[in-house]
Amino acid sequence: MNVIRFLVVALMLTAALPFAAATQDHAFSQSLAKGYAEIARFAVAKLHDESGQSYFQNKSDRAQANFPVEPEWPTNWTLAPDLQKDMGRERDGLMAALARVNSGADPKTGAIAQVNFDCWVALASVPAMQKESARCRNAFHAAMQQLGS
């Protein structure tokens, strides 16, 4: 009798795991979508950059539809090689932190880290936006610290 009870409880707990992971993924995707939509609005309002707006709105739409959205690759942007290298190391740390989101870390904080990383990378390529880029970098580092990185 105890074996049957144990198996029923184990089955119930196992069945709940995909739901918890799906909820975690959904919260991450929705927070990511909101963040990318903010970058898209900034691109058009402050930079008058319709291609930037379209690019980040596309990332927002993909996240909203629960498709995977990767953090930016610094090597895809016009940046100094040393900065690309530093950002590449930061991206590696971000990827490790995002893996922890799948195992219980706060999904909203993970999304904040990813959005601010992308903001940092994108704005670092615009000479007139260095102050805003630094704000994004600082917000990225603060989120990473909250994620334990």
N, C-alpha and C. Protein backbone atom coordinates (compact mmCIF):
# COMPACT_ATOMS: atom_id res chain seq x y z
N MET A 1 0.82 -1.19 0.00
CA MET A 1 0.00 0.00 0.00
C MET A 1 0.87 1.26 0.00
N ASN A 2 1.93 1.28 0.82
CA ASN A 2 2.82 2.44 0.86
C ASN A 2 3.53 2.65 -0.47
N VAL A 3 3.85 1.56 -1.17
CA VAL A 3 4.52 1.66 -2.47
C VAL A 3 3.60 2.33 -3.47
N ILE A 4 2.33 1.96 -3.47
CA ILE A 4 1.36 2.56 -4.38
C ILE A 4 1.20 4.04 -4.08
N ARG A 5 1.09 4.38 -2.82
CA ARG A 5 0.96 5.79 -2.42
C ARG A 5 2.20 6.57 -2.86
N PHE A 6 3.38 6.01 -2.67
CA PHE A 6 4.62 6.65 -3.10
C PHE A 6 4.62 6.88 -4.61
N LEU A 7 4.22 5.86 -5.37
CA LEU A 7 4.19 5.99 -6.82
C LEU A 7 3.20 7.04 -7.29
N VAL A 8 2.06 7.13 -6.63
CA VAL A 8 1.06 8.15 -6.99
C VAL A 8 1.61 9.54 -6.71
N VAL A 9 2.24 9.74 -5.57
CA VAL A 9 2.82 11.04 -5.23
C VAL A 9 3.96 11.37 -6.19
N ALA A 10 4.81 10.40 -6.49
CA ALA A 10 5.92 10.63 -7.43
C ALA A 10 5.39 10.99 -8.80
N LEU A 11 4.34 10.32 -9.25
CA LEU A 11 3.74 10.62 -10.55
C LEU A 11 3.16 12.02 -10.57
N MET A 12 2.51 12.42 -9.49
CA MET A 12 1.93 13.77 -9.41
C MET A 12 3.03 14.82 -9.45
N LEU A 13 4.11 14.61 -8.73
CA LEU A 13 5.21 15.57 -8.72
C LEU A 13 5.88 15.64 -10.09
N THR A 14 6.06 14.51 -10.73
CA THR A 14 6.67 14.47 -12.05
C THR A 14 5.78 15.19 -13.07
N ALA A 15 4.50 15.02 -12.96
CA ALA A 15 3.57 15.67 -13.88
C ALA A 15 3.57 17.18 -13.69
N ALA A 16 3.85 17.64 -12.49
CA ALA A 16 3.86 19.09 -12.21
C ALA A 16 5.12 19.76 -12.74
N LEU A 17 6.20 19.03 -12.94
CA LEU A 17 7.45 19.64 -13.39
C LEU A 17 7.34 20.31 -14.75
N PRO A 18 6.75 19.68 -15.78
CA PRO A 18 6.63 20.39 -17.06
C PRO A 18 5.80 21.67 -16.94
N PHE A 19 4.77 21.66 -16.10
CA PHE A 19 3.96 22.86 -15.91
C PHE A 19 4.79 23.97 -15.28
N ALA A 20 5.60 23.63 -14.27
CA ALA A 20 6.45 24.64 -13.64
C ALA A 20 7.45 25.20 -14.64
N ALA A 21 8.05 24.34 -15.45
CA ALA A 21 9.01 24.80 -16.46
C ALA A 21 8.32 25.65 -17.51
N ALA A 22 7.12 25.25 -17.92
CA ALA A 22 6.37 26.03 -18.92
C ALA A 22 6.01 27.40 -18.36
N THR A 23 5.62 27.46 -17.11
CA THR A 23 5.29 28.73 -16.48
C THR A 23 6.52 29.63 -16.41
N GLN A 24 7.66 29.05 -16.06
CA GLN A 24 8.93 29.77 -15.99
C GLN A 24 9.30 30.32 -17.36
N ASP A 25 9.19 29.46 -18.40
CA ASP A 25 9.49 29.88 -19.77
C ASP A 25 8.56 30.99 -20.23
N HIS A 26 7.28 30.86 -19.91
CA HIS A 26 6.30 31.87 -20.32
C HIS A 26 6.60 33.22 -19.66
N ALA A 27 6.90 33.20 -18.37
CA ALA A 27 7.21 34.45 -17.66
C ALA A 27 8.46 35.09 -18.26
N PHE A 28 9.47 34.29 -18.58
CA PHE A 28 10.69 34.80 -19.19
C PHE A 28 10.37 35.42 -20.55
N SER A 29 9.64 34.68 -21.39
CA SER A 29 9.33 35.17 -22.74
C SER A 29 8.52 36.47 -22.70
N GLN A 30 7.56 36.53 -21.80
CA GLN A 30 6.72 37.73 -21.73
C GLN A 30 7.52 38.94 -21.24
N SER A 31 8.40 38.74 -20.27
CA SER A 31 9.25 39.84 -19.79
C SER A 31 10.24 40.26 -20.88
N LEU A 32 10.75 39.29 -21.61
CA LEU A 32 11.67 39.56 -22.72
C LEU A 32 10.94 40.39 -23.79
N ALA A 33 9.72 40.00 -24.11
CA ALA A 33 8.94 40.72 -25.13
C ALA A 33 8.72 42.18 -24.73
N LYS A 34 8.40 42.41 -23.46
CA LYS A 34 8.19 43.79 -22.99
C LYS A 34 9.48 44.60 -23.10
N GLY A 35 10.59 44.01 -22.70
CA GLY A 35 11.87 44.71 -22.75
C GLY A 35 12.29 45.07 -24.16
N TYR A 36 12.15 44.12 -25.07
CA TYR A 36 12.52 44.39 -26.47
C TYR A 36 11.59 45.43 -27.10
N ALA A 37 10.32 45.42 -26.71
CA ALA A 37 9.40 46.44 -27.23
C ALA A 37 9.84 47.83 -26.77
N GLU A 38 10.36 47.92 -25.53
CA GLU A 38 10.87 49.21 -25.03
C GLU A 38 12.08 49.67 -25.85
N ILE A 39 12.98 48.76 -26.17
CA ILE A 39 14.14 49.12 -26.99
C ILE A 39 13.67 49.58 -28.38
N ALA A 40 12.68 48.90 -28.93
CA ALA A 40 12.16 49.27 -30.25
C ALA A 40 11.59 50.69 -30.21
N ARG A 41 10.84 51.01 -29.16
CA ARG A 41 10.28 52.37 -29.04
C ARG A 41 11.40 53.40 -28.88
N PHE A 42 12.42 53.07 -28.11
CA PHE A 42 13.56 53.97 -27.92
C PHE A 42 14.27 54.21 -29.25
N ALA A 43 14.45 53.15 -30.03
CA ALA A 43 15.17 53.26 -31.31
C ALA A 43 14.50 54.26 -32.23
N VAL A 44 13.19 54.23 -32.28
CA VAL A 44 12.52 55.15 -33.19
C VAL A 44 12.34 56.53 -32.57
N ALA A 45 12.08 56.61 -31.27
CA ALA A 45 11.82 57.91 -30.63
C ALA A 45 13.09 58.73 -30.45
N LYS A 46 14.16 58.11 -30.03
CA LYS A 46 15.40 58.84 -29.71
C LYS A 46 16.43 58.81 -30.83
N LEU A 47 16.46 57.71 -31.58
CA LEU A 47 17.47 57.57 -32.62
C LEU A 47 16.91 57.79 -34.02
N HIS A 48 15.59 57.83 -34.13
CA HIS A 48 14.92 57.93 -35.43
C HIS A 48 15.42 56.81 -36.35
N ASP A 49 15.58 55.65 -35.76
CA ASP A 49 16.14 54.48 -36.44
C ASP A 49 15.03 53.45 -36.65
N GLU A 50 14.40 53.53 -37.82
CA GLU A 50 13.30 52.61 -38.09
C GLU A 50 13.76 51.18 -38.28
N SER A 51 14.97 50.98 -38.79
CA SER A 51 15.46 49.60 -38.93
C SER A 51 15.76 49.01 -37.55
N GLY A 52 16.29 49.82 -36.63
CA GLY A 52 16.50 49.36 -35.26
C GLY A 52 15.19 49.05 -34.57
N GLN A 53 14.20 49.90 -34.83
CA GLN A 53 12.89 49.65 -34.25
C GLN A 53 12.33 48.32 -34.76
N SER A 54 12.42 48.12 -36.06
CA SER A 54 11.91 46.89 -36.66
C SER A 54 12.66 45.66 -36.12
N TYR A 55 13.97 45.78 -36.00
CA TYR A 55 14.80 44.68 -35.52
C TYR A 55 14.39 44.25 -34.11
N PHE A 56 14.29 45.22 -33.20
CA PHE A 56 13.96 44.87 -31.81
C PHE A 56 12.48 44.55 -31.64
N GLN A 57 11.61 45.11 -32.48
CA GLN A 57 10.20 44.73 -32.43
C GLN A 57 10.04 43.29 -32.88
N ASN A 58 10.84 42.88 -33.85
CA ASN A 58 10.82 41.49 -34.29
C ASN A 58 11.23 40.56 -33.14
N LYS A 59 12.26 40.95 -32.39
CA LYS A 59 12.68 40.13 -31.24
C LYS A 59 11.56 40.08 -30.20
N SER A 60 10.87 41.22 -30.01
CA SER A 60 9.75 41.26 -29.08
C SER A 60 8.63 40.33 -29.53
N ASP A 61 8.29 40.41 -30.79
CA ASP A 61 7.21 39.57 -31.33
C ASP A 61 7.55 38.09 -31.21
N ARG A 62 8.80 37.73 -31.48
CA ARG A 62 9.21 36.33 -31.36
C ARG A 62 9.12 35.86 -29.91
N ALA A 63 9.54 36.69 -28.97
CA ALA A 63 9.44 36.33 -27.56
C ALA A 63 7.98 36.22 -27.15
N GLN A 64 7.16 37.15 -27.59
CA GLN A 64 5.72 37.15 -27.27
C GLN A 64 5.08 35.84 -27.74
N ALA A 65 5.54 35.32 -28.87
CA ALA A 65 5.02 34.06 -29.41
C ALA A 65 5.73 32.84 -28.82
N ASN A 66 6.55 33.06 -27.81
CA ASN A 66 7.28 31.99 -27.10
C ASN A 66 8.31 31.26 -27.96
N PHE A 67 8.85 31.96 -28.98
CA PHE A 67 9.97 31.42 -29.73
C PHE A 67 11.25 31.79 -29.00
N PRO A 68 12.28 30.96 -29.08
CA PRO A 68 13.55 31.32 -28.43
C PRO A 68 14.16 32.57 -29.06
N VAL A 69 14.68 33.43 -28.23
CA VAL A 69 15.34 34.66 -28.69
C VAL A 69 16.70 34.72 -28.00
N GLU A 70 17.74 34.62 -28.79
CA GLU A 70 19.11 34.61 -28.27
C GLU A 70 19.59 36.04 -27.97
N PRO A 71 20.48 36.18 -27.01
CA PRO A 71 21.13 37.48 -26.81
C PRO A 71 21.99 37.83 -28.03
N GLU A 72 22.22 39.09 -28.21
CA GLU A 72 23.03 39.57 -29.35
C GLU A 72 24.44 38.98 -29.31
N TRP A 73 25.01 38.84 -30.50
CA TRP A 73 26.41 38.49 -30.65
C TRP A 73 27.16 39.80 -30.89
N PRO A 74 28.03 40.20 -29.99
CA PRO A 74 28.76 41.46 -30.17
C PRO A 74 29.53 41.54 -31.49
N THR A 75 29.95 40.39 -32.00
CA THR A 75 30.71 40.38 -33.26
C THR A 75 29.84 40.76 -34.46
N ASN A 76 28.53 40.80 -34.29
CA ASN A 76 27.64 41.21 -35.37
C ASN A 76 27.45 42.73 -35.43
N TRP A 77 28.06 43.44 -34.51
CA TRP A 77 27.89 44.89 -34.41
C TRP A 77 29.23 45.57 -34.69
N THR A 78 29.17 46.80 -35.12
CA THR A 78 30.38 47.57 -35.40
C THR A 78 30.90 48.12 -34.08
N LEU A 79 31.84 47.38 -33.50
CA LEU A 79 32.42 47.72 -32.21
C LEU A 79 33.92 47.46 -32.27
N ALA A 80 34.66 48.12 -31.40
CA ALA A 80 36.10 47.89 -31.31
C ALA A 80 36.34 46.42 -30.94
N PRO A 81 37.37 45.80 -31.51
CA PRO A 81 37.64 44.38 -31.23
C PRO A 81 37.77 44.05 -29.74
N ASP A 82 38.43 44.91 -28.97
CA ASP A 82 38.57 44.64 -27.54
C ASP A 82 37.22 44.66 -26.83
N LEU A 83 36.36 45.60 -27.24
CA LEU A 83 35.02 45.67 -26.65
C LEU A 83 34.20 44.44 -27.04
N GLN A 84 34.31 44.03 -28.29
CA GLN A 84 33.62 42.81 -28.73
C GLN A 84 34.05 41.61 -27.90
N LYS A 85 35.34 41.53 -27.64
CA LYS A 85 35.89 40.42 -26.85
C LYS A 85 35.34 40.44 -25.42
N ASP A 86 35.36 41.63 -24.80
CA ASP A 86 34.82 41.76 -23.43
C ASP A 86 33.34 41.42 -23.40
N MET A 87 32.60 41.93 -24.39
CA MET A 87 31.17 41.65 -24.44
C MET A 87 30.91 40.17 -24.70
N GLY A 88 31.79 39.53 -25.47
CA GLY A 88 31.66 38.10 -25.72
C GLY A 88 31.77 37.29 -24.43
N ARG A 89 32.71 37.67 -23.57
CA ARG A 89 32.84 37.00 -22.26
C ARG A 89 31.60 37.25 -21.41
N GLU A 90 31.10 38.49 -21.46
CA GLU A 90 29.88 38.81 -20.70
C GLU A 90 28.69 38.01 -21.23
N ARG A 91 28.64 37.82 -22.54
CA ARG A 91 27.56 37.03 -23.14
C ARG A 91 27.63 35.58 -22.66
N ASP A 92 28.84 35.04 -22.56
CA ASP A 92 29.00 33.67 -22.05
C ASP A 92 28.44 33.56 -20.63
N GLY A 93 28.74 34.55 -19.80
CA GLY A 93 28.20 34.56 -18.44
C GLY A 93 26.68 34.68 -18.44
N LEU A 94 26.16 35.48 -19.35
CA LEU A 94 24.71 35.62 -19.48
C LEU A 94 24.07 34.29 -19.87
N MET A 95 24.67 33.59 -20.81
CA MET A 95 24.12 32.31 -21.23
C MET A 95 24.08 31.32 -20.07
N ALA A 96 25.11 31.32 -19.24
CA ALA A 96 25.14 30.45 -18.07
C ALA A 96 24.04 30.85 -17.08
N ALA A 97 23.84 32.16 -16.90
CA ALA A 97 22.79 32.64 -15.99
C ALA A 97 21.41 32.28 -16.53
N LEU A 98 21.23 32.40 -17.83
CA LEU A 98 19.93 32.06 -18.42
C LEU A 98 19.63 30.57 -18.29
N ALA A 99 20.65 29.75 -18.29
CA ALA A 99 20.43 28.31 -18.06
C ALA A 99 19.90 28.08 -16.66
N ARG A 100 20.30 28.90 -15.71
CA ARG A 100 19.79 28.78 -14.34
C ARG A 100 18.34 29.22 -14.25
N VAL A 101 17.89 30.09 -15.15
CA VAL A 101 16.48 30.49 -15.16
C VAL A 101 15.62 29.25 -15.42
N ASN A 102 16.10 28.37 -16.27
CA ASN A 102 15.36 27.13 -16.56
C ASN A 102 15.28 26.21 -15.35
N SER A 103 16.17 26.41 -14.38
CA SER A 103 16.14 25.55 -13.21
C SER A 103 15.72 26.30 -11.95
N GLY A 104 14.97 27.39 -12.13
CA GLY A 104 14.35 28.03 -10.98
C GLY A 104 14.74 29.46 -10.68
N ALA A 105 15.76 30.02 -11.32
CA ALA A 105 16.12 31.43 -11.08
C ALA A 105 14.99 32.32 -11.59
N ASP A 106 14.93 33.53 -11.10
CA ASP A 106 13.85 34.46 -11.44
C ASP A 106 13.82 34.76 -12.93
N PRO A 107 12.73 34.40 -13.63
CA PRO A 107 12.67 34.62 -15.08
C PRO A 107 12.66 36.10 -15.46
N LYS A 108 12.03 36.94 -14.65
CA LYS A 108 11.98 38.37 -14.97
C LYS A 108 13.38 38.97 -14.91
N THR A 109 14.15 38.61 -13.90
CA THR A 109 15.51 39.12 -13.77
C THR A 109 16.38 38.60 -14.92
N GLY A 110 16.17 37.36 -15.33
CA GLY A 110 16.89 36.83 -16.49
C GLY A 110 16.58 37.63 -17.75
N ALA A 111 15.31 37.96 -17.94
CA ALA A 111 14.92 38.75 -19.11
C ALA A 111 15.51 40.16 -19.03
N ILE A 112 15.52 40.73 -17.85
CA ILE A 112 16.11 42.07 -17.68
C ILE A 112 17.59 42.03 -18.04
N ALA A 113 18.27 40.98 -17.62
CA ALA A 113 19.70 40.85 -17.95
C ALA A 113 19.89 40.76 -19.46
N GLN A 114 19.10 39.92 -20.13
CA GLN A 114 19.27 39.74 -21.57
C GLN A 114 18.93 41.02 -22.34
N VAL A 115 17.84 41.65 -22.01
CA VAL A 115 17.43 42.88 -22.72
C VAL A 115 18.48 43.97 -22.52
N ASN A 116 18.99 44.12 -21.31
CA ASN A 116 19.98 45.16 -21.07
C ASN A 116 21.33 44.83 -21.70
N PHE A 117 21.65 43.55 -21.81
CA PHE A 117 22.86 43.18 -22.54
C PHE A 117 22.72 43.62 -24.00
N ASP A 118 21.60 43.28 -24.60
CA ASP A 118 21.38 43.65 -26.00
C ASP A 118 21.35 45.16 -26.19
N CYS A 119 20.76 45.86 -25.24
CA CYS A 119 20.73 47.33 -25.28
C CYS A 119 22.16 47.87 -25.22
N TRP A 120 22.97 47.33 -24.34
CA TRP A 120 24.36 47.75 -24.20
C TRP A 120 25.11 47.55 -25.51
N VAL A 121 24.96 46.36 -26.10
CA VAL A 121 25.65 46.05 -27.35
C VAL A 121 25.20 46.99 -28.46
N ALA A 122 23.90 47.13 -28.63
CA ALA A 122 23.37 47.94 -29.73
C ALA A 122 23.76 49.41 -29.58
N LEU A 123 23.61 49.96 -28.39
CA LEU A 123 23.90 51.38 -28.21
C LEU A 123 25.40 51.68 -28.19
N ALA A 124 26.21 50.69 -27.85
CA ALA A 124 27.66 50.90 -27.87
C ALA A 124 28.16 51.15 -29.29
N SER A 125 27.37 50.73 -30.28
CA SER A 125 27.76 50.94 -31.68
C SER A 125 27.37 52.32 -32.19
N VAL A 126 26.69 53.12 -31.34
CA VAL A 126 26.26 54.47 -31.73
C VAL A 126 27.04 55.47 -30.89
N PRO A 127 28.01 56.18 -31.49
CA PRO A 127 28.86 57.07 -30.71
C PRO A 127 28.10 58.09 -29.83
N ALA A 128 27.00 58.60 -30.30
CA ALA A 128 26.25 59.60 -29.52
C ALA A 128 25.46 58.99 -28.36
N MET A 129 25.42 57.67 -28.25
CA MET A 129 24.61 57.00 -27.23
C MET A 129 25.44 56.32 -26.15
N GLN A 130 26.67 56.76 -25.95
CA GLN A 130 27.55 56.09 -24.99
C GLN A 130 27.02 56.16 -23.55
N LYS A 131 26.41 57.27 -23.19
CA LYS A 131 25.86 57.40 -21.83
C LYS A 131 24.71 56.39 -21.63
N GLU A 132 23.83 56.29 -22.63
CA GLU A 132 22.72 55.34 -22.55
C GLU A 132 23.24 53.90 -22.57
N SER A 133 24.26 53.65 -23.38
CA SER A 133 24.87 52.33 -23.43
C SER A 133 25.42 51.94 -22.06
N ALA A 134 26.07 52.88 -21.39
CA ALA A 134 26.61 52.62 -20.04
C ALA A 134 25.48 52.32 -19.06
N ARG A 135 24.35 52.99 -19.19
CA ARG A 135 23.20 52.69 -18.31
C ARG A 135 22.73 51.26 -18.53
N CYS A 136 22.66 50.86 -19.78
CA CYS A 136 22.25 49.48 -20.09
C CYS A 136 23.25 48.48 -19.52
N ARG A 137 24.54 48.77 -19.68
CA ARG A 137 25.59 47.89 -19.14
C ARG A 137 25.44 47.77 -17.62
N ASN A 138 25.21 48.89 -16.94
CA ASN A 138 25.06 48.87 -15.49
C ASN A 138 23.82 48.07 -15.07
N ALA A 139 22.71 48.24 -15.80
CA ALA A 139 21.50 47.48 -15.49
C ALA A 139 21.72 45.99 -15.76
N PHE A 140 22.47 45.68 -16.81
CA PHE A 140 22.81 44.28 -17.10
C PHE A 140 23.60 43.68 -15.94
N HIS A 141 24.63 44.40 -15.50
CA HIS A 141 25.46 43.88 -14.39
C HIS A 141 24.65 43.74 -13.10
N ALA A 142 23.74 44.67 -12.83
CA ALA A 142 22.91 44.58 -11.63
C ALA A 142 22.01 43.33 -11.70
N ALA A 143 21.43 43.08 -12.86
CA ALA A 143 20.58 41.88 -13.01
C ALA A 143 21.42 40.61 -12.89
N MET A 144 22.61 40.63 -13.47
CA MET A 144 23.47 39.45 -13.37
C MET A 144 23.85 39.18 -11.92
N GLN A 145 24.09 40.24 -11.17
CA GLN A 145 24.41 40.06 -9.75
C GLN A 145 23.23 39.43 -9.01
N GLN A 146 22.00 39.87 -9.34
CA GLN A 146 20.82 39.27 -8.72
C GLN A 146 20.67 37.80 -9.09
N LEU A 147 21.13 37.44 -10.28
CA LEU A 147 21.06 36.05 -10.72
C LEU A 147 22.19 35.21 -10.14
N GLY A 148 23.08 35.87 -9.39
CA GLY A 148 24.18 35.14 -8.76
C GLY A 148 25.38 34.95 -9.66
N SER A 149 25.53 35.85 -10.62
CA SER A 149 26.67 35.73 -11.55
C SER A 149 27.69 36.81 -11.31
